[in-house]
Amino acid sequence: MFKKFDEKESVSNVNVAKSSVVKGIRNQILEQYQHVEDYVDQILPKKEALKVVKCHDHIELYCAGSGEVLFFRQREGPIYPTLKLLHRFPFILPHMQVDKGAIRFVLSGANIMCPGLTSPGAQMTKVGKDQMVAIMAEGKQHALAIGLTKLSTEEILSKNKGIGVDNIHFLNDGLWAMKGIK
């Protein structure tokens, strides 16, 4: 999604969200991420303005008053946290760990294949299909990507073939490299 994302070319509009829009976004975040309840005021302070950045391909970025991109979504889909936010609050998403051999492919934007999730260096958290997950790497502390599962954990284990997780946002992609929005 953000492999060829360029701030200068992709951003079309920046608005400060109305309080009703901010309330709706906060409620959707609380609904999607149950573990965030105690931290939502740290992530989205009530006193700070929330900027909505509209981009091409129907992508919306949600930025704090400081300009840091915190969340994004495409069309009316789920709200994804950015990797920078996930590094500060790693418990937001369930973790799926890939083996060392998959790291360079994930960092180049490739989807995560089932064998990379079932090999000896990999670990999986039990999740269902179409679930947001943090992609961790064997031997590393922070997430290297955010993905959406195409198969449940049980299906990944039984099939062990094909794409297990779609790579949505990864380290050093266009969104990661984006500077703060003014």
C-alpha atoms as a PDB file:
ATOM      1  CA  MET A   1       0.000   0.000   0.000  1.00  0.00           C
ATOM      2  CA  PHE A   2       2.816   2.438   0.876  1.00  0.00           C
ATOM      3  CA  LYS A   3       5.640   0.939  -1.181  1.00  0.00           C
ATOM      4  CA  LYS A   4       5.634   3.834  -3.658  1.00  0.00           C
ATOM      5  CA  PHE A   5       4.001   6.365  -1.341  1.00  0.00           C
ATOM      6  CA  ASP A   6       5.502   9.841  -1.688  1.00  0.00           C
ATOM      7  CA  GLU A   7       4.337  12.641   0.598  1.00  0.00           C
ATOM      8  CA  LYS A   8       4.630  15.357  -2.075  1.00  0.00           C
ATOM      9  CA  GLU A   9       2.708  13.432  -4.726  1.00  0.00           C
ATOM     10  CA  SER A  10       0.246  11.415  -2.646  1.00  0.00           C
ATOM     11  CA  VAL A  11      -1.127  13.948  -0.132  1.00  0.00           C
ATOM     12  CA  SER A  12      -4.066  15.901  -1.538  1.00  0.00           C
ATOM     13  CA  ASN A  13      -5.637  17.602   1.497  1.00  0.00           C
ATOM     14  CA  VAL A  14      -5.027  18.237   5.227  1.00  0.00           C
ATOM     15  CA  ASN A  15      -7.859  19.199   7.588  1.00  0.00           C
ATOM     16  CA  VAL A  16      -8.257  19.566  11.337  1.00  0.00           C
ATOM     17  CA  ALA A  17     -11.003  17.123  12.342  1.00  0.00           C
ATOM     18  CA  LYS A  18     -14.160  18.319  14.068  1.00  0.00           C
ATOM     19  CA  SER A  19     -14.755  17.078  17.608  1.00  0.00           C
ATOM     20  CA  SER A  20     -17.520  14.734  16.422  1.00  0.00           C
ATOM     21  CA  VAL A  21     -15.161  13.145  13.875  1.00  0.00           C
ATOM     22  CA  VAL A  22     -12.426  12.786  16.524  1.00  0.00           C
ATOM     23  CA  LYS A  23     -14.921  11.134  18.879  1.00  0.00           C
ATOM     24  CA  GLY A  24     -15.933   8.667  16.145  1.00  0.00           C
ATOM     25  CA  ILE A  25     -12.300   7.821  15.381  1.00  0.00           C
ATOM     26  CA  ARG A  26     -11.514   7.353  19.104  1.00  0.00           C
ATOM     27  CA  ASN A  27     -14.533   5.054  19.481  1.00  0.00           C
ATOM     28  CA  GLN A  28     -13.546   2.990  16.441  1.00  0.00           C
ATOM     29  CA  ILE A  29      -9.981   2.668  17.773  1.00  0.00           C
ATOM     30  CA  LEU A  30     -11.289   1.554  21.185  1.00  0.00           C
ATOM     31  CA  GLU A  31     -13.612  -0.943  19.486  1.00  0.00           C
ATOM     32  CA  GLN A  32     -10.827  -2.403  17.306  1.00  0.00           C
ATOM     33  CA  TYR A  33      -8.079  -2.450  19.954  1.00  0.00           C
ATOM     34  CA  GLN A  34      -9.335  -3.526  23.371  1.00  0.00           C
ATOM     35  CA  HIS A  35      -5.864  -3.323  24.982  1.00  0.00           C
ATOM     36  CA  VAL A  36      -5.611   0.421  24.276  1.00  0.00           C
ATOM     37  CA  GLU A  37      -8.298   1.687  26.664  1.00  0.00           C
ATOM     38  CA  ASP A  38      -5.841   2.810  29.341  1.00  0.00           C
ATOM     39  CA  TYR A  39      -3.540   4.466  26.787  1.00  0.00           C
ATOM     40  CA  VAL A  40      -5.968   6.161  24.381  1.00  0.00           C
ATOM     41  CA  ASP A  41      -5.476   9.548  26.064  1.00  0.00           C
ATOM     42  CA  GLN A  42      -1.712   9.218  25.595  1.00  0.00           C
ATOM     43  CA  ILE A  43      -2.117   8.233  21.951  1.00  0.00           C
ATOM     44  CA  LEU A  44      -4.871  10.733  21.061  1.00  0.00           C
ATOM     45  CA  PRO A  45      -4.900  13.499  23.704  1.00  0.00           C
ATOM     46  CA  LYS A  46      -8.279  15.206  23.964  1.00  0.00           C
ATOM     47  CA  LYS A  47      -6.732  18.674  24.057  1.00  0.00           C
ATOM     48  CA  GLU A  48      -4.681  18.225  20.875  1.00  0.00           C
ATOM     49  CA  ALA A  49      -6.118  18.720  17.417  1.00  0.00           C
ATOM     50  CA  LEU A  50      -6.359  15.667  15.182  1.00  0.00           C
ATOM     51  CA  LYS A  51      -5.407  16.214  11.558  1.00  0.00           C
ATOM     52  CA  VAL A  52      -6.956  14.116   8.818  1.00  0.00           C
ATOM     53  CA  VAL A  53      -4.683  13.844   5.780  1.00  0.00           C
ATOM     54  CA  LYS A  54      -6.438  12.712   2.631  1.00  0.00           C
ATOM     55  CA  CYS A  55      -4.252  10.920   0.105  1.00  0.00           C
ATOM     56  CA  HIS A  56      -4.677   9.274  -3.280  1.00  0.00           C
ATOM     57  CA  ASP A  57      -6.235   5.787  -3.461  1.00  0.00           C
ATOM     58  CA  HIS A  58      -8.754   6.771  -0.740  1.00  0.00           C
ATOM     59  CA  ILE A  59      -6.156   6.599   2.037  1.00  0.00           C
ATOM     60  CA  GLU A  60      -6.639   8.694   5.174  1.00  0.00           C
ATOM     61  CA  LEU A  61      -3.848   9.377   7.659  1.00  0.00           C
ATOM     62  CA  TYR A  62      -4.636  10.499  11.209  1.00  0.00           C
ATOM     63  CA  CYS A  63      -2.010  12.784  12.749  1.00  0.00           C
ATOM     64  CA  ALA A  64      -1.598  14.123  16.271  1.00  0.00           C
ATOM     65  CA  GLY A  65      -1.239  17.847  16.881  1.00  0.00           C
ATOM     66  CA  SER A  66       2.552  17.418  16.642  1.00  0.00           C
ATOM     67  CA  GLY A  67       2.127  16.164  13.074  1.00  0.00           C
ATOM     68  CA  GLU A  68       3.159  12.550  13.742  1.00  0.00           C
ATOM     69  CA  VAL A  69       1.108  10.046  11.745  1.00  0.00           C
ATOM     70  CA  LEU A  70      -0.532   7.676  14.250  1.00  0.00           C
ATOM     71  CA  PHE A  71      -3.126   5.715  12.285  1.00  0.00           C
ATOM     72  CA  PHE A  72      -4.220   5.180   8.683  1.00  0.00           C
ATOM     73  CA  ARG A  73      -7.002   3.513   6.771  1.00  0.00           C
ATOM     74  CA  GLN A  74      -8.128   2.914   3.223  1.00  0.00           C
ATOM     75  CA  ARG A  75     -11.701   3.694   2.257  1.00  0.00           C
ATOM     76  CA  GLU A  76     -14.011   2.749   5.134  1.00  0.00           C
ATOM     77  CA  GLY A  77     -11.810  -0.172   6.179  1.00  0.00           C
ATOM     78  CA  PRO A  78     -10.219  -0.833   9.547  1.00  0.00           C
ATOM     79  CA  ILE A  79      -7.956   1.733  11.192  1.00  0.00           C
ATOM     80  CA  TYR A  80      -4.337   0.510  11.233  1.00  0.00           C
ATOM     81  CA  PRO A  81      -1.695   1.825  13.633  1.00  0.00           C
ATOM     82  CA  THR A  82       1.578   3.002  12.093  1.00  0.00           C
ATOM     83  CA  LEU A  83       4.796   1.162  12.898  1.00  0.00           C
ATOM     84  CA  LYS A  84       6.091   4.162  14.844  1.00  0.00           C
ATOM     85  CA  LEU A  85       3.043   3.957  17.124  1.00  0.00           C
ATOM     86  CA  LEU A  86       3.370   0.171  17.330  1.00  0.00           C
ATOM     87  CA  HIS A  87       6.990   0.530  18.463  1.00  0.00           C
ATOM     88  CA  ARG A  88       5.821   2.715  21.368  1.00  0.00           C
ATOM     89  CA  PHE A  89       2.829   0.493  22.231  1.00  0.00           C
ATOM     90  CA  PRO A  90       3.758  -3.038  21.026  1.00  0.00           C
ATOM     91  CA  PHE A  91       0.770  -4.696  22.724  1.00  0.00           C
ATOM     92  CA  ILE A  92      -1.749  -3.088  20.339  1.00  0.00           C
ATOM     93  CA  LEU A  93      -1.610  -5.977  17.856  1.00  0.00           C
ATOM     94  CA  PRO A  94      -1.052  -9.738  18.188  1.00  0.00           C
ATOM     95  CA  HIS A  95       2.429 -10.808  17.062  1.00  0.00           C
ATOM     96  CA  MET A  96       3.457 -13.169  14.271  1.00  0.00           C
ATOM     97  CA  GLN A  97       7.199 -13.854  14.105  1.00  0.00           C
ATOM     98  CA  VAL A  98       8.994 -14.731  10.883  1.00  0.00           C
ATOM     99  CA  ASP A  99      12.299 -16.593  10.688  1.00  0.00           C
ATOM    100  CA  LYS A 100      15.573 -14.829   9.822  1.00  0.00           C
ATOM    101  CA  GLY A 101      15.373 -15.872   6.167  1.00  0.00           C
ATOM    102  CA  ALA A 102      12.146 -13.926   5.613  1.00  0.00           C
ATOM    103  CA  ILE A 103      13.327 -10.591   7.041  1.00  0.00           C
ATOM    104  CA  ARG A 104      14.820  -9.135   3.848  1.00  0.00           C
ATOM    105  CA  PHE A 105      11.740 -10.076   1.822  1.00  0.00           C
ATOM    106  CA  VAL A 106       9.345  -8.521   4.335  1.00  0.00           C
ATOM    107  CA  LEU A 107      11.453  -5.332   4.382  1.00  0.00           C
ATOM    108  CA  SER A 108      11.181  -5.117   0.600  1.00  0.00           C
ATOM    109  CA  GLY A 109       7.380  -5.243   0.819  1.00  0.00           C
ATOM    110  CA  ALA A 110       6.733  -8.924   0.098  1.00  0.00           C
ATOM    111  CA  ASN A 111       3.772 -10.698   1.652  1.00  0.00           C
ATOM    112  CA  ILE A 112       4.524 -13.192   4.415  1.00  0.00           C
ATOM    113  CA  MET A 113       4.407 -16.766   3.188  1.00  0.00           C
ATOM    114  CA  CYS A 114       3.147 -19.654   5.328  1.00  0.00           C
ATOM    115  CA  PRO A 115       6.526 -21.482   5.429  1.00  0.00           C
ATOM    116  CA  GLY A 116       8.124 -18.336   6.904  1.00  0.00           C
ATOM    117  CA  LEU A 117       5.607 -18.506   9.756  1.00  0.00           C
ATOM    118  CA  THR A 118       5.915 -22.242  10.450  1.00  0.00           C
ATOM    119  CA  SER A 119       9.686 -22.748  10.302  1.00  0.00           C
ATOM    120  CA  PRO A 120      11.765 -23.354  13.488  1.00  0.00           C
ATOM    121  CA  GLY A 121      12.628 -19.641  14.053  1.00  0.00           C
ATOM    122  CA  ALA A 122       9.041 -18.481  13.638  1.00  0.00           C
ATOM    123  CA  GLN A 123       6.220 -18.129  16.153  1.00  0.00           C
ATOM    124  CA  MET A 124       2.526 -17.490  15.726  1.00  0.00           C
ATOM    125  CA  THR A 125      -0.147 -16.089  17.995  1.00  0.00           C
ATOM    126  CA  LYS A 126      -3.508 -17.783  17.539  1.00  0.00           C
ATOM    127  CA  VAL A 127      -5.556 -15.452  15.321  1.00  0.00           C
ATOM    128  CA  GLY A 128      -8.372 -15.743  12.827  1.00  0.00           C
ATOM    129  CA  LYS A 129      -8.613 -14.795   9.176  1.00  0.00           C
ATOM    130  CA  ASP A 130      -8.633 -11.049   8.287  1.00  0.00           C
ATOM    131  CA  GLN A 131      -6.967 -10.057  11.566  1.00  0.00           C
ATOM    132  CA  MET A 132      -4.403  -7.256  11.865  1.00  0.00           C
ATOM    133  CA  VAL A 133      -1.046  -8.487  13.176  1.00  0.00           C
ATOM    134  CA  ALA A 134       2.402  -7.108  13.952  1.00  0.00           C
ATOM    135  CA  ILE A 135       5.112  -8.910  12.007  1.00  0.00           C
ATOM    136  CA  MET A 136       8.088  -9.492  14.282  1.00  0.00           C
ATOM    137  CA  ALA A 137      11.476 -10.871  13.251  1.00  0.00           C
ATOM    138  CA  GLU A 138      13.462 -13.658  14.863  1.00  0.00           C
ATOM    139  CA  GLY A 139      16.050 -12.075  17.163  1.00  0.00           C
ATOM    140  CA  LYS A 140      14.658  -8.521  16.864  1.00  0.00           C
ATOM    141  CA  GLN A 141      12.789  -6.473  19.458  1.00  0.00           C
ATOM    142  CA  HIS A 142      10.494  -4.264  17.353  1.00  0.00           C
ATOM    143  CA  ALA A 143       7.956  -5.028  14.644  1.00  0.00           C
ATOM    144  CA  LEU A 144       9.165  -4.787  11.067  1.00  0.00           C
ATOM    145  CA  ALA A 145       5.736  -4.752   9.425  1.00  0.00           C
ATOM    146  CA  ILE A 146       1.994  -4.643   9.946  1.00  0.00           C
ATOM    147  CA  GLY A 147      -0.078  -7.166   8.082  1.00  0.00           C
ATOM    148  CA  LEU A 148      -3.537  -8.595   7.565  1.00  0.00           C
ATOM    149  CA  THR A 149      -3.907 -12.364   7.844  1.00  0.00           C
ATOM    150  CA  LYS A 150      -5.287 -14.124   4.782  1.00  0.00           C
ATOM    151  CA  LEU A 151      -5.642 -17.411   6.670  1.00  0.00           C
ATOM    152  CA  SER A 152      -6.244 -18.321  10.292  1.00  0.00           C
ATOM    153  CA  THR A 153      -3.377 -19.748  12.340  1.00  0.00           C
ATOM    154  CA  GLU A 154      -4.814 -23.256  12.001  1.00  0.00           C
ATOM    155  CA  GLU A 155      -5.078 -22.913   8.200  1.00  0.00           C
ATOM    156  CA  ILE A 156      -1.482 -21.629   7.991  1.00  0.00           C
ATOM    157  CA  LEU A 157      -0.269 -24.663   9.968  1.00  0.00           C
ATOM    158  CA  SER A 158      -2.306 -27.174   7.951  1.00  0.00           C
ATOM    159  CA  LYS A 159      -1.686 -25.723   4.446  1.00  0.00           C
ATOM    160  CA  ASN A 160       1.865 -24.423   4.951  1.00  0.00           C
ATOM    161  CA  LYS A 161       1.768 -23.105   1.384  1.00  0.00           C
ATOM    162  CA  GLY A 162       1.016 -19.730  -0.171  1.00  0.00           C
ATOM    163  CA  ILE A 163       0.502 -16.298   1.367  1.00  0.00           C
ATOM    164  CA  GLY A 164      -0.336 -16.277   5.082  1.00  0.00           C
ATOM    165  CA  VAL A 165      -0.264 -12.527   5.788  1.00  0.00           C
ATOM    166  CA  ASP A 166      -0.605  -9.531   3.473  1.00  0.00           C
ATOM    167  CA  ASN A 167       2.093  -6.933   4.122  1.00  0.00           C
ATOM    168  CA  ILE A 168       0.303  -3.594   4.607  1.00  0.00           C
ATOM    169  CA  HIS A 169       3.007  -1.283   6.063  1.00  0.00           C
ATOM    170  CA  PHE A 170       6.698  -2.080   6.609  1.00  0.00           C
ATOM    171  CA  LEU A 171       9.889  -0.396   7.808  1.00  0.00           C
ATOM    172  CA  ASN A 172      11.332   2.151   5.380  1.00  0.00           C
ATOM    173  CA  ASP A 173       8.254   2.317   3.143  1.00  0.00           C
ATOM    174  CA  GLY A 174       6.756   5.673   2.151  1.00  0.00           C
ATOM    175  CA  LEU A 175       4.664   6.034   5.313  1.00  0.00           C
ATOM    176  CA  TRP A 176       7.618   5.221   7.578  1.00  0.00           C
ATOM    177  CA  ALA A 177       9.794   7.806   5.803  1.00  0.00           C
ATOM    178  CA  MET A 178       7.090  10.482   5.962  1.00  0.00           C
ATOM    179  CA  LYS A 179       7.936  13.575   7.989  1.00  0.00           C
ATOM    180  CA  GLY A 180       5.414  15.155  10.358  1.00  0.00           C
ATOM    181  CA  ILE A 181       2.392  16.884   8.810  1.00  0.00           C
ATOM    182  CA  LYS A 182       2.218  20.616   9.444  1.00  0.00           C
END
